[in-house]
Amino acid sequence: MRLRLTPRDTSYFDLFAASAVHLVTGANLLAEMLGADRATRKELNKRMAAEEHAADDATHTIMRRLNQTFVTPFDRDDIYDLASSLDDCMDYMDEAADLMVLYKIGELPARVSDQVQVLQRAAELTAEAMPRLRSMESLQEYWVEINRLENQADKSHRKLLAEMFDEIADPILLMKLKEIVEKLEDAADAFEKVANTVETIALKES
């Protein structure tokens, strides 16, 4: 670690950790929605929307603090990128959940659960990693595993699309489901962007 001779605002570490906790809740709500009936999905979607608003508030707090703080714990652009990427993860999961309700989707393809399981694991790993930004220790395993998970998500996504085009005759339903699974894939990509940003920060600080 580089020697710092000036004080720095360490509250960012707590804010990033809090943001990541919202991702765990969001991913778990998605998992609950998969097997739920429409009425239950509506209630779960309301909880997801509330979680997304809370995550937005956490992001806005980071951005406000960034504008008010002269000395930051690491590069200002990296703080912005990390906060934005964490927010993107939540936004994409929220959009997927909302589309399930708005499109009145019944049973989802079985392989969608594979996508959501990847998001659950990625959220858990991210929540475990954020507090370690304080010391910049034991982070490499995190970004390596997230990249592996994202590759897994890509393969699952391609197989899912192939199965959907083979098995779903209704073109409208196909379009609706495709939009949902694309949002889930976007969320997986966003988790990878978080990990890549953490890697950039750790390399700069080493």
N, C-alpha and C. Protein backbone atom coordinates (compact mmCIF):
# COMPACT_ATOMS: atom_id res chain seq x y z
N MET A 1 0.83 -1.20 0.00
CA MET A 1 0.00 0.00 0.00
C MET A 1 0.87 1.25 0.00
N ARG A 2 0.41 2.25 -0.73
CA ARG A 2 1.17 3.50 -0.76
C ARG A 2 0.98 4.27 0.55
N LEU A 3 2.04 4.94 0.99
CA LEU A 3 1.97 5.76 2.20
C LEU A 3 1.21 7.04 1.89
N ARG A 4 0.20 7.35 2.72
CA ARG A 4 -0.57 8.59 2.55
C ARG A 4 -0.26 9.54 3.70
N LEU A 5 0.01 10.79 3.34
CA LEU A 5 0.35 11.79 4.34
C LEU A 5 -0.81 12.73 4.63
N THR A 6 -1.91 12.54 3.93
CA THR A 6 -3.08 13.40 4.12
C THR A 6 -4.26 12.55 4.58
N PRO A 7 -5.14 13.15 5.39
CA PRO A 7 -6.31 12.39 5.84
C PRO A 7 -7.24 12.11 4.67
N ARG A 8 -8.03 11.06 4.79
CA ARG A 8 -8.96 10.73 3.72
C ARG A 8 -10.28 10.33 4.33
N ASP A 9 -11.35 10.54 3.55
CA ASP A 9 -12.69 10.21 4.00
C ASP A 9 -12.90 8.71 3.80
N THR A 10 -12.98 7.96 4.89
CA THR A 10 -13.11 6.51 4.80
C THR A 10 -14.57 6.05 4.80
N SER A 11 -15.51 6.99 4.86
CA SER A 11 -16.92 6.60 4.89
C SER A 11 -17.34 5.94 3.58
N TYR A 12 -16.59 6.17 2.51
CA TYR A 12 -16.91 5.53 1.23
C TYR A 12 -16.97 4.02 1.37
N PHE A 13 -16.08 3.45 2.17
CA PHE A 13 -16.04 2.00 2.31
C PHE A 13 -17.35 1.48 2.88
N ASP A 14 -17.89 2.16 3.87
CA ASP A 14 -19.17 1.76 4.44
C ASP A 14 -20.30 1.93 3.43
N LEU A 15 -20.22 2.99 2.64
CA LEU A 15 -21.27 3.24 1.65
C LEU A 15 -21.26 2.19 0.54
N PHE A 16 -20.08 1.80 0.09
CA PHE A 16 -20.00 0.75 -0.92
C PHE A 16 -20.51 -0.58 -0.36
N ALA A 17 -20.16 -0.86 0.88
CA ALA A 17 -20.64 -2.09 1.51
C ALA A 17 -22.16 -2.10 1.63
N ALA A 18 -22.73 -0.96 1.99
CA ALA A 18 -24.19 -0.85 2.10
C ALA A 18 -24.85 -1.04 0.73
N SER A 19 -24.27 -0.47 -0.30
CA SER A 19 -24.81 -0.63 -1.66
C SER A 19 -24.84 -2.10 -2.05
N ALA A 20 -23.79 -2.81 -1.73
CA ALA A 20 -23.69 -4.22 -2.13
C ALA A 20 -24.72 -5.08 -1.40
N VAL A 21 -25.07 -4.72 -0.18
CA VAL A 21 -26.08 -5.47 0.57
C VAL A 21 -27.43 -5.41 -0.16
N HIS A 22 -27.73 -4.27 -0.75
CA HIS A 22 -28.97 -4.15 -1.52
C HIS A 22 -28.98 -5.12 -2.71
N LEU A 23 -27.82 -5.38 -3.29
CA LEU A 23 -27.74 -6.29 -4.42
C LEU A 23 -28.07 -7.72 -4.00
N VAL A 24 -27.63 -8.10 -2.82
CA VAL A 24 -27.94 -9.44 -2.31
C VAL A 24 -29.45 -9.59 -2.14
N THR A 25 -30.07 -8.59 -1.55
CA THR A 25 -31.52 -8.63 -1.36
C THR A 25 -32.24 -8.68 -2.69
N GLY A 26 -31.79 -7.86 -3.63
CA GLY A 26 -32.42 -7.83 -4.95
C GLY A 26 -32.33 -9.15 -5.67
N ALA A 27 -31.16 -9.77 -5.66
CA ALA A 27 -30.99 -11.06 -6.33
C ALA A 27 -31.85 -12.14 -5.68
N ASN A 28 -31.96 -12.11 -4.36
CA ASN A 28 -32.79 -13.09 -3.67
C ASN A 28 -34.27 -12.89 -3.96
N LEU A 29 -34.69 -11.64 -4.11
CA LEU A 29 -36.08 -11.37 -4.49
C LEU A 29 -36.37 -11.89 -5.89
N LEU A 30 -35.42 -11.72 -6.79
CA LEU A 30 -35.58 -12.28 -8.15
C LEU A 30 -35.80 -13.78 -8.08
N ALA A 31 -34.99 -14.45 -7.28
CA ALA A 31 -35.11 -15.91 -7.15
C ALA A 31 -36.49 -16.30 -6.63
N GLU A 32 -37.02 -15.54 -5.67
CA GLU A 32 -38.35 -15.82 -5.15
C GLU A 32 -39.42 -15.63 -6.21
N MET A 33 -39.22 -14.66 -7.10
CA MET A 33 -40.22 -14.35 -8.11
C MET A 33 -40.35 -15.45 -9.15
N LEU A 34 -39.30 -16.21 -9.38
CA LEU A 34 -39.33 -17.19 -10.47
C LEU A 34 -40.46 -18.20 -10.31
N GLY A 35 -40.62 -18.74 -9.12
CA GLY A 35 -41.63 -19.77 -8.91
C GLY A 35 -42.93 -19.27 -8.33
N ALA A 36 -43.06 -17.96 -8.22
CA ALA A 36 -44.24 -17.38 -7.57
C ALA A 36 -45.40 -17.23 -8.55
N ASP A 37 -46.62 -17.18 -8.00
CA ASP A 37 -47.76 -16.87 -8.85
C ASP A 37 -47.80 -15.36 -9.10
N ARG A 38 -48.72 -14.92 -9.94
CA ARG A 38 -48.72 -13.51 -10.36
C ARG A 38 -48.97 -12.56 -9.19
N ALA A 39 -49.88 -12.93 -8.30
CA ALA A 39 -50.18 -12.06 -7.17
C ALA A 39 -48.97 -11.91 -6.26
N THR A 40 -48.30 -13.02 -6.00
CA THR A 40 -47.10 -12.97 -5.15
C THR A 40 -45.99 -12.20 -5.84
N ARG A 41 -45.88 -12.37 -7.15
CA ARG A 41 -44.87 -11.62 -7.90
C ARG A 41 -45.06 -10.12 -7.77
N LYS A 42 -46.30 -9.69 -7.78
CA LYS A 42 -46.57 -8.26 -7.65
C LYS A 42 -46.05 -7.74 -6.31
N GLU A 43 -46.29 -8.51 -5.25
CA GLU A 43 -45.82 -8.09 -3.93
C GLU A 43 -44.30 -8.10 -3.86
N LEU A 44 -43.69 -9.13 -4.43
CA LEU A 44 -42.23 -9.20 -4.45
C LEU A 44 -41.64 -8.07 -5.29
N ASN A 45 -42.34 -7.72 -6.36
CA ASN A 45 -41.87 -6.63 -7.22
C ASN A 45 -41.92 -5.29 -6.49
N LYS A 46 -42.91 -5.11 -5.64
CA LYS A 46 -42.98 -3.89 -4.83
C LYS A 46 -41.78 -3.82 -3.88
N ARG A 47 -41.42 -4.96 -3.31
CA ARG A 47 -40.25 -5.00 -2.43
C ARG A 47 -38.97 -4.74 -3.22
N MET A 48 -38.94 -5.25 -4.44
CA MET A 48 -37.78 -5.00 -5.30
C MET A 48 -37.66 -3.51 -5.62
N ALA A 49 -38.79 -2.88 -5.92
CA ALA A 49 -38.77 -1.45 -6.23
C ALA A 49 -38.28 -0.64 -5.03
N ALA A 50 -38.71 -1.02 -3.84
CA ALA A 50 -38.26 -0.33 -2.63
C ALA A 50 -36.76 -0.52 -2.43
N GLU A 51 -36.28 -1.72 -2.73
CA GLU A 51 -34.85 -1.99 -2.60
C GLU A 51 -34.05 -1.18 -3.62
N GLU A 52 -34.60 -1.06 -4.82
CA GLU A 52 -33.93 -0.28 -5.87
C GLU A 52 -33.86 1.20 -5.47
N HIS A 53 -34.93 1.71 -4.85
CA HIS A 53 -34.92 3.11 -4.38
C HIS A 53 -33.87 3.29 -3.29
N ALA A 54 -33.77 2.33 -2.39
CA ALA A 54 -32.77 2.41 -1.32
C ALA A 54 -31.36 2.37 -1.91
N ALA A 55 -31.16 1.53 -2.93
CA ALA A 55 -29.86 1.46 -3.58
C ALA A 55 -29.53 2.77 -4.29
N ASP A 56 -30.55 3.38 -4.91
CA ASP A 56 -30.36 4.69 -5.55
C ASP A 56 -29.93 5.73 -4.53
N ASP A 57 -30.57 5.71 -3.36
CA ASP A 57 -30.22 6.67 -2.31
C ASP A 57 -28.76 6.49 -1.89
N ALA A 58 -28.33 5.23 -1.78
CA ALA A 58 -26.94 4.96 -1.41
C ALA A 58 -25.98 5.50 -2.47
N THR A 59 -26.34 5.32 -3.74
CA THR A 59 -25.51 5.84 -4.83
C THR A 59 -25.45 7.36 -4.80
N HIS A 60 -26.59 7.99 -4.60
CA HIS A 60 -26.62 9.46 -4.55
C HIS A 60 -25.79 9.99 -3.38
N THR A 61 -25.81 9.27 -2.27
CA THR A 61 -24.99 9.67 -1.12
C THR A 61 -23.51 9.64 -1.48
N ILE A 62 -23.10 8.59 -2.17
CA ILE A 62 -21.70 8.50 -2.60
C ILE A 62 -21.35 9.64 -3.53
N MET A 63 -22.22 9.93 -4.48
CA MET A 63 -21.95 11.00 -5.45
C MET A 63 -21.88 12.38 -4.78
N ARG A 64 -22.79 12.61 -3.83
CA ARG A 64 -22.75 13.89 -3.11
C ARG A 64 -21.46 14.02 -2.31
N ARG A 65 -21.09 12.93 -1.65
CA ARG A 65 -19.86 12.97 -0.85
C ARG A 65 -18.64 13.18 -1.75
N LEU A 66 -18.69 12.60 -2.93
CA LEU A 66 -17.58 12.75 -3.87
C LEU A 66 -17.40 14.22 -4.26
N ASN A 67 -18.52 14.92 -4.40
CA ASN A 67 -18.46 16.34 -4.76
C ASN A 67 -18.02 17.22 -3.60
N GLN A 68 -18.15 16.71 -2.38
CA GLN A 68 -17.85 17.51 -1.20
C GLN A 68 -16.49 17.19 -0.58
N THR A 69 -15.88 16.09 -1.01
CA THR A 69 -14.65 15.62 -0.39
C THR A 69 -13.44 16.00 -1.22
N PHE A 70 -12.45 16.57 -0.57
CA PHE A 70 -11.24 16.96 -1.28
C PHE A 70 -10.29 15.78 -1.45
N VAL A 71 -10.07 15.03 -0.37
CA VAL A 71 -9.16 13.88 -0.41
C VAL A 71 -10.00 12.60 -0.33
N THR A 72 -9.91 11.78 -1.36
CA THR A 72 -10.68 10.54 -1.42
C THR A 72 -9.76 9.34 -1.19
N PRO A 73 -10.33 8.20 -0.78
CA PRO A 73 -9.48 7.04 -0.46
C PRO A 73 -8.77 6.45 -1.68
N PHE A 74 -9.35 6.65 -2.85
CA PHE A 74 -8.68 6.28 -4.09
C PHE A 74 -9.21 7.17 -5.21
N ASP A 75 -8.78 6.95 -6.41
CA ASP A 75 -9.06 7.84 -7.54
C ASP A 75 -10.55 8.19 -7.65
N ARG A 76 -10.84 9.46 -7.83
CA ARG A 76 -12.21 9.93 -7.88
C ARG A 76 -13.01 9.27 -9.01
N ASP A 77 -12.37 9.13 -10.17
CA ASP A 77 -13.06 8.50 -11.30
C ASP A 77 -13.41 7.05 -10.99
N ASP A 78 -12.53 6.36 -10.26
CA ASP A 78 -12.79 4.98 -9.90
C ASP A 78 -13.94 4.88 -8.90
N ILE A 79 -14.02 5.84 -7.99
CA ILE A 79 -15.14 5.88 -7.05
C ILE A 79 -16.45 6.06 -7.81
N TYR A 80 -16.43 6.97 -8.77
CA TYR A 80 -17.63 7.21 -9.58
C TYR A 80 -18.01 5.95 -10.36
N ASP A 81 -17.01 5.31 -11.00
CA ASP A 81 -17.28 4.12 -11.79
C ASP A 81 -17.82 2.98 -10.93
N LEU A 82 -17.25 2.81 -9.75
CA LEU A 82 -17.69 1.73 -8.87
C LEU A 82 -19.12 1.97 -8.39
N ALA A 83 -19.41 3.19 -7.98
CA ALA A 83 -20.78 3.51 -7.53
C ALA A 83 -21.78 3.33 -8.67
N SER A 84 -21.42 3.77 -9.85
CA SER A 84 -22.33 3.66 -11.00
C SER A 84 -22.56 2.21 -11.38
N SER A 85 -21.50 1.41 -11.34
CA SER A 85 -21.63 0.00 -11.71
C SER A 85 -22.48 -0.78 -10.70
N LEU A 86 -22.29 -0.50 -9.42
CA LEU A 86 -23.13 -1.13 -8.40
C LEU A 86 -24.60 -0.76 -8.63
N ASP A 87 -24.84 0.48 -8.97
CA ASP A 87 -26.20 0.95 -9.24
C ASP A 87 -26.78 0.25 -10.46
N ASP A 88 -25.96 0.03 -11.49
CA ASP A 88 -26.42 -0.66 -12.70
C ASP A 88 -26.87 -2.08 -12.39
N CYS A 89 -26.12 -2.77 -11.53
CA CYS A 89 -26.51 -4.14 -11.15
C CYS A 89 -27.94 -4.17 -10.61
N MET A 90 -28.23 -3.24 -9.70
CA MET A 90 -29.55 -3.19 -9.09
C MET A 90 -30.61 -2.78 -10.11
N ASP A 91 -30.28 -1.82 -10.96
CA ASP A 91 -31.24 -1.34 -11.94
C ASP A 91 -31.67 -2.45 -12.90
N TYR A 92 -30.72 -3.23 -13.38
CA TYR A 92 -31.06 -4.29 -14.33
C TYR A 92 -31.89 -5.38 -13.67
N MET A 93 -31.57 -5.73 -12.43
CA MET A 93 -32.38 -6.73 -11.74
C MET A 93 -33.79 -6.21 -11.50
N ASP A 94 -33.89 -4.95 -11.15
CA ASP A 94 -35.20 -4.34 -10.93
C ASP A 94 -36.02 -4.32 -12.22
N GLU A 95 -35.37 -4.00 -13.34
CA GLU A 95 -36.07 -3.98 -14.63
C GLU A 95 -36.58 -5.37 -15.00
N ALA A 96 -35.76 -6.39 -14.77
CA ALA A 96 -36.18 -7.76 -15.07
C ALA A 96 -37.40 -8.14 -14.24
N ALA A 97 -37.36 -7.80 -12.96
CA ALA A 97 -38.48 -8.11 -12.07
C ALA A 97 -39.74 -7.37 -12.51
N ASP A 98 -39.58 -6.11 -12.85
CA ASP A 98 -40.73 -5.29 -13.25
C ASP A 98 -41.36 -5.83 -14.53
N LEU A 99 -40.54 -6.29 -15.48
CA LEU A 99 -41.06 -6.81 -16.74
C LEU A 99 -41.83 -8.10 -16.53
N MET A 100 -41.40 -8.92 -15.56
CA MET A 100 -42.15 -10.15 -15.27
C MET A 100 -43.59 -9.82 -14.90
N VAL A 101 -43.77 -8.74 -14.16
CA VAL A 101 -45.11 -8.34 -13.71
C VAL A 101 -45.86 -7.60 -14.81
N LEU A 102 -45.19 -6.64 -15.45
CA LEU A 102 -45.86 -5.84 -16.48
C LEU A 102 -46.32 -6.69 -17.66
N TYR A 103 -45.51 -7.69 -18.02
CA TYR A 103 -45.85 -8.56 -19.15
C TYR A 103 -46.74 -9.73 -18.75
N LYS A 104 -47.08 -9.81 -17.45
CA LYS A 104 -47.97 -10.86 -16.94
C LYS A 104 -47.47 -12.25 -17.33
N ILE A 105 -46.18 -12.44 -17.10
CA ILE A 105 -45.55 -13.70 -17.45
C ILE A 105 -46.03 -14.81 -16.51
N GLY A 106 -46.33 -15.97 -17.09
CA GLY A 106 -46.69 -17.13 -16.28
C GLY A 106 -45.44 -17.87 -15.87
N GLU A 107 -45.32 -19.09 -16.34
CA GLU A 107 -44.14 -19.89 -16.02
C GLU A 107 -42.96 -19.45 -16.88
N LEU A 108 -41.82 -19.28 -16.24
CA LEU A 108 -40.61 -18.88 -16.94
C LEU A 108 -39.83 -20.12 -17.37
N PRO A 109 -39.05 -20.02 -18.45
CA PRO A 109 -38.21 -21.16 -18.85
C PRO A 109 -37.31 -21.59 -17.70
N ALA A 110 -37.10 -22.90 -17.58
CA ALA A 110 -36.35 -23.44 -16.44
C ALA A 110 -34.95 -22.86 -16.34
N ARG A 111 -34.32 -22.61 -17.49
CA ARG A 111 -32.93 -22.16 -17.47
C ARG A 111 -32.79 -20.71 -16.96
N VAL A 112 -33.88 -19.98 -16.83
CA VAL A 112 -33.80 -18.65 -16.24
C VAL A 112 -33.27 -18.73 -14.82
N SER A 113 -33.59 -19.81 -14.14
CA SER A 113 -33.10 -19.97 -12.76
C SER A 113 -31.58 -20.05 -12.72
N ASP A 114 -30.97 -20.57 -13.79
CA ASP A 114 -29.50 -20.60 -13.85
C ASP A 114 -28.95 -19.19 -13.87
N GLN A 115 -29.59 -18.32 -14.65
CA GLN A 115 -29.16 -16.92 -14.70
C GLN A 115 -29.26 -16.27 -13.33
N VAL A 116 -30.38 -16.49 -12.67
CA VAL A 116 -30.62 -15.84 -11.38
C VAL A 116 -29.67 -16.38 -10.31
N GLN A 117 -29.38 -17.68 -10.37
CA GLN A 117 -28.43 -18.24 -9.41
C GLN A 117 -27.05 -17.60 -9.56
N VAL A 118 -26.65 -17.33 -10.80
CA VAL A 118 -25.38 -16.64 -11.03
C VAL A 118 -25.42 -15.25 -10.40
N LEU A 119 -26.54 -14.55 -10.56
CA LEU A 119 -26.67 -13.21 -9.98
C LEU A 119 -26.64 -13.26 -8.46
N GLN A 120 -27.27 -14.27 -7.88
CA GLN A 120 -27.24 -14.42 -6.43
C GLN A 120 -25.81 -14.60 -5.92
N ARG A 121 -25.08 -15.47 -6.60
CA ARG A 121 -23.69 -15.72 -6.18
C ARG A 121 -22.83 -14.49 -6.40
N ALA A 122 -23.01 -13.82 -7.52
CA ALA A 122 -22.24 -12.61 -7.81
C ALA A 122 -22.52 -11.52 -6.77
N ALA A 123 -23.78 -11.40 -6.37
CA ALA A 123 -24.14 -10.41 -5.36
C ALA A 123 -23.50 -10.74 -4.02
N GLU A 124 -23.52 -12.02 -3.65
CA GLU A 124 -22.90 -12.43 -2.38
C GLU A 124 -21.40 -12.13 -2.38
N LEU A 125 -20.73 -12.47 -3.48
CA LEU A 125 -19.29 -12.22 -3.58
C LEU A 125 -18.97 -10.73 -3.54
N THR A 126 -19.81 -9.95 -4.19
CA THR A 126 -19.61 -8.50 -4.21
C THR A 126 -19.78 -7.91 -2.82
N ALA A 127 -20.81 -8.38 -2.10
CA ALA A 127 -21.04 -7.90 -0.74
C ALA A 127 -19.89 -8.28 0.19
N GLU A 128 -19.29 -9.44 -0.04
CA GLU A 128 -18.14 -9.86 0.77
C GLU A 128 -16.89 -9.05 0.42
N ALA A 129 -16.79 -8.64 -0.85
CA ALA A 129 -15.58 -7.94 -1.31
C ALA A 129 -15.54 -6.47 -0.92
N MET A 130 -16.68 -5.80 -0.91
CA MET A 130 -16.68 -4.35 -0.70
C MET A 130 -15.99 -3.92 0.60
N PRO A 131 -16.23 -4.59 1.74
CA PRO A 131 -15.51 -4.17 2.95
C PRO A 131 -14.00 -4.33 2.85
N ARG A 132 -13.54 -5.22 1.98
CA ARG A 132 -12.10 -5.45 1.85
C ARG A 132 -11.40 -4.33 1.06
N LEU A 133 -12.18 -3.44 0.47
CA LEU A 133 -11.57 -2.28 -0.19
C LEU A 133 -10.77 -1.45 0.81
N ARG A 134 -11.17 -1.51 2.06
CA ARG A 134 -10.50 -0.73 3.10
C ARG A 134 -9.02 -1.12 3.22
N SER A 135 -8.74 -2.41 3.07
CA SER A 135 -7.36 -2.88 3.20
C SER A 135 -6.75 -3.27 1.85
N MET A 136 -7.60 -3.42 0.83
CA MET A 136 -7.18 -3.88 -0.50
C MET A 136 -6.56 -5.27 -0.46
N GLU A 137 -6.96 -6.08 0.51
CA GLU A 137 -6.41 -7.42 0.64
C GLU A 137 -7.45 -8.47 0.25
N SER A 138 -6.94 -9.60 -0.27
CA SER A 138 -7.78 -10.76 -0.59
C SER A 138 -8.90 -10.42 -1.57
N LEU A 139 -8.56 -9.63 -2.58
CA LEU A 139 -9.57 -9.24 -3.56
C LEU A 139 -9.43 -9.98 -4.89
N GLN A 140 -8.26 -10.53 -5.16
CA GLN A 140 -8.04 -11.15 -6.46
C GLN A 140 -8.99 -12.33 -6.70
N GLU A 141 -9.19 -13.16 -5.68
CA GLU A 141 -10.09 -14.30 -5.84
C GLU A 141 -11.50 -13.83 -6.20
N TYR A 142 -11.87 -12.66 -5.68
CA TYR A 142 -13.20 -12.11 -5.97
C TYR A 142 -13.36 -11.80 -7.45
N TRP A 143 -12.44 -11.02 -8.01
CA TRP A 143 -12.66 -10.64 -9.41
C TRP A 143 -12.43 -11.81 -10.37
N VAL A 144 -11.59 -12.75 -10.00
CA VAL A 144 -11.41 -13.94 -10.84
C VAL A 144 -12.69 -14.77 -10.86
N GLU A 145 -13.31 -14.95 -9.69
CA GLU A 145 -14.54 -15.73 -9.61
C GLU A 145 -15.70 -15.04 -10.29
N ILE A 146 -15.79 -13.73 -10.18
CA ILE A 146 -16.86 -12.99 -10.86
C ILE A 146 -16.71 -13.13 -12.37
N ASN A 147 -15.50 -13.05 -12.86
CA ASN A 147 -15.29 -13.23 -14.30
C ASN A 147 -15.67 -14.64 -14.75
N ARG A 148 -15.38 -15.63 -13.90
CA ARG A 148 -15.78 -17.00 -14.22
C ARG A 148 -17.31 -17.12 -14.25
N LEU A 149 -17.96 -16.51 -13.29
CA LEU A 149 -19.42 -16.54 -13.23
C LEU A 149 -20.05 -15.86 -14.44
N GLU A 150 -19.44 -14.76 -14.88
CA GLU A 150 -19.98 -14.04 -16.03
C GLU A 150 -19.85 -14.88 -17.29
N ASN A 151 -18.76 -15.60 -17.43
CA ASN A 151 -18.61 -16.52 -18.56
C ASN A 151 -19.67 -17.62 -18.50
N GLN A 152 -19.92 -18.11 -17.30
CA GLN A 152 -20.97 -19.12 -17.12
C GLN A 152 -22.32 -18.54 -17.50
N ALA A 153 -22.57 -17.29 -17.10
CA ALA A 153 -23.83 -16.64 -17.43
C ALA A 153 -23.98 -16.47 -18.94
N ASP A 154 -22.90 -16.15 -19.63
CA ASP A 154 -22.95 -16.00 -21.09
C ASP A 154 -23.37 -17.30 -21.76
N LYS A 155 -22.77 -18.41 -21.31
CA LYS A 155 -23.10 -19.71 -21.90
C LYS A 155 -24.56 -20.08 -21.63
N SER A 156 -25.00 -19.83 -20.39
CA SER A 156 -26.37 -20.13 -20.03
C SER A 156 -27.35 -19.28 -20.84
N HIS A 157 -26.97 -18.03 -21.05
CA HIS A 157 -27.80 -17.10 -21.81
C HIS A 157 -27.97 -17.57 -23.25
N ARG A 158 -26.88 -18.00 -23.87
CA ARG A 158 -26.95 -18.47 -25.26
C ARG A 158 -27.81 -19.73 -25.37
N LYS A 159 -27.64 -20.67 -24.43
CA LYS A 159 -28.43 -21.89 -24.46
C LYS A 159 -29.92 -21.57 -24.24
N LEU A 160 -30.17 -20.65 -23.33
CA LEU A 160 -31.56 -20.27 -23.04
C LEU A 160 -32.23 -19.66 -24.27
N LEU A 161 -31.53 -18.77 -24.95
CA LEU A 161 -32.10 -18.15 -26.15
C LEU A 161 -32.38 -19.21 -27.22
N ALA A 162 -31.44 -20.13 -27.41
CA ALA A 162 -31.62 -21.19 -28.40
C ALA A 162 -32.85 -22.04 -28.08
N GLU A 163 -33.01 -22.39 -26.81
CA GLU A 163 -34.16 -23.19 -26.39
C GLU A 163 -35.47 -22.43 -26.58
N MET A 164 -35.45 -21.15 -26.25
CA MET A 164 -36.66 -20.34 -26.40
C MET A 164 -37.09 -20.25 -27.85
N PHE A 165 -36.15 -20.03 -28.76
CA PHE A 165 -36.50 -19.92 -30.17
C PHE A 165 -36.97 -21.26 -30.73
N ASP A 166 -36.49 -22.37 -30.15
CA ASP A 166 -36.92 -23.69 -30.60
C ASP A 166 -38.29 -24.06 -30.07
N GLU A 167 -38.58 -23.66 -28.83
CA GLU A 167 -39.73 -24.22 -28.12
C GLU A 167 -40.93 -23.29 -28.00
N ILE A 168 -40.73 -21.98 -28.15
CA ILE A 168 -41.85 -21.04 -27.95
C ILE A 168 -42.38 -20.60 -29.31
N ALA A 169 -43.63 -20.97 -29.58
CA ALA A 169 -44.23 -20.66 -30.88
C ALA A 169 -44.84 -19.26 -30.93
N ASP A 170 -45.29 -18.77 -29.78
CA ASP A 170 -45.95 -17.46 -29.73
C ASP A 170 -44.89 -16.36 -29.84
N PRO A 171 -44.87 -15.59 -30.93
CA PRO A 171 -43.82 -14.58 -31.11
C PRO A 171 -43.88 -13.46 -30.08
N ILE A 172 -45.08 -13.11 -29.61
CA ILE A 172 -45.20 -12.05 -28.61
C ILE A 172 -44.61 -12.50 -27.28
N LEU A 173 -44.95 -13.72 -26.87
CA LEU A 173 -44.39 -14.26 -25.63
C LEU A 173 -42.87 -14.37 -25.74
N LEU A 174 -42.40 -14.79 -26.91
CA LEU A 174 -40.96 -14.92 -27.13
C LEU A 174 -40.27 -13.57 -26.94
N MET A 175 -40.85 -12.52 -27.50
CA MET A 175 -40.27 -11.18 -27.36
C MET A 175 -40.24 -10.73 -25.91
N LYS A 176 -41.31 -11.01 -25.18
CA LYS A 176 -41.38 -10.62 -23.78
C LYS A 176 -40.31 -11.34 -22.96
N LEU A 177 -40.24 -12.65 -23.14
CA LEU A 177 -39.26 -13.43 -22.38
C LEU A 177 -37.83 -13.05 -22.75
N LYS A 178 -37.61 -12.80 -24.04
CA LYS A 178 -36.27 -12.42 -24.47
C LYS A 178 -35.83 -11.12 -23.81
N GLU A 179 -36.75 -10.17 -23.67
CA GLU A 179 -36.39 -8.90 -23.02
C GLU A 179 -36.01 -9.13 -21.56
N ILE A 180 -36.72 -10.02 -20.89
CA ILE A 180 -36.42 -10.31 -19.49
C ILE A 180 -35.05 -10.96 -19.35
N VAL A 181 -34.77 -11.97 -20.17
CA VAL A 181 -33.49 -12.66 -20.03
C VAL A 181 -32.32 -11.77 -20.45
N GLU A 182 -32.58 -10.82 -21.35
CA GLU A 182 -31.53 -9.87 -21.73
C GLU A 182 -31.19 -8.95 -20.55
N LYS A 183 -32.20 -8.56 -19.78
CA LYS A 183 -31.94 -7.73 -18.60
C LYS A 183 -31.14 -8.51 -17.56
N LEU A 184 -31.42 -9.78 -17.42
CA LEU A 184 -30.66 -10.61 -16.49
C LEU A 184 -29.21 -10.74 -16.95
N GLU A 185 -29.02 -10.86 -18.26
CA GLU A 185 -27.66 -10.91 -18.80
C GLU A 185 -26.94 -9.58 -18.59
N ASP A 186 -27.68 -8.46 -18.76
CA ASP A 186 -27.10 -7.15 -18.50
C ASP A 186 -26.65 -7.03 -17.05
N ALA A 187 -27.43 -7.60 -16.13
CA ALA A 187 -27.06 -7.56 -14.71
C ALA A 187 -25.77 -8.33 -14.47
N ALA A 188 -25.63 -9.49 -15.11
CA ALA A 188 -24.39 -10.27 -14.97
C ALA A 188 -23.20 -9.47 -15.50
N ASP A 189 -23.39 -8.80 -16.63
CA ASP A 189 -22.32 -7.96 -17.19
C ASP A 189 -21.96 -6.83 -16.22
N ALA A 190 -22.98 -6.27 -15.57
CA ALA A 190 -22.74 -5.16 -14.64
C ALA A 190 -21.94 -5.63 -13.43
N PHE A 191 -22.22 -6.84 -12.95
CA PHE A 191 -21.43 -7.39 -11.84
C PHE A 191 -19.97 -7.56 -12.26
N GLU A 192 -19.77 -7.98 -13.50
CA GLU A 192 -18.39 -8.12 -13.99
C GLU A 192 -17.71 -6.75 -14.06
N LYS A 193 -18.46 -5.72 -14.45
CA LYS A 193 -17.87 -4.38 -14.50
C LYS A 193 -17.47 -3.92 -13.11
N VAL A 194 -18.27 -4.23 -12.09
CA VAL A 194 -17.91 -3.91 -10.71
C VAL A 194 -16.58 -4.57 -10.37
N ALA A 195 -16.47 -5.86 -10.69
CA ALA A 195 -15.24 -6.60 -10.37
C ALA A 195 -14.04 -6.04 -11.12
N ASN A 196 -14.25 -5.67 -12.38
CA ASN A 196 -13.15 -5.09 -13.15
C ASN A 196 -12.70 -3.75 -12.58
N THR A 197 -13.66 -2.97 -12.08
CA THR A 197 -13.32 -1.69 -11.46
C THR A 197 -12.54 -1.91 -10.17
N VAL A 198 -12.96 -2.90 -9.38
CA VAL A 198 -12.24 -3.24 -8.15
C VAL A 198 -10.81 -3.67 -8.49
N GLU A 199 -10.65 -4.45 -9.53
CA GLU A 199 -9.32 -4.87 -9.95
C GLU A 199 -8.46 -3.66 -10.32
N THR A 200 -9.04 -2.73 -11.06
CA THR A 200 -8.31 -1.51 -11.45
C THR A 200 -7.86 -0.73 -10.22
N ILE A 201 -8.78 -0.58 -9.25
CA ILE A 201 -8.47 0.15 -8.03
C ILE A 201 -7.34 -0.55 -7.26
N ALA A 202 -7.45 -1.86 -7.13
CA ALA A 202 -6.44 -2.62 -6.36
C ALA A 202 -5.06 -2.53 -7.01
N LEU A 203 -5.02 -2.59 -8.33
CA LEU A 203 -3.74 -2.49 -9.02
C LEU A 203 -3.12 -1.10 -8.87
N LYS A 204 -3.96 -0.08 -8.91
CA LYS A 204 -3.46 1.28 -8.72
C LYS A 204 -2.92 1.51 -7.31
N GLU A 205 -3.56 0.86 -6.34
CA GLU A 205 -3.20 1.08 -4.94
C GLU A 205 -2.09 0.17 -4.46
N SER A 206 -1.70 -0.79 -5.28
CA SER A 206 -0.68 -1.76 -4.86
C SER A 206 0.73 -1.16 -4.93
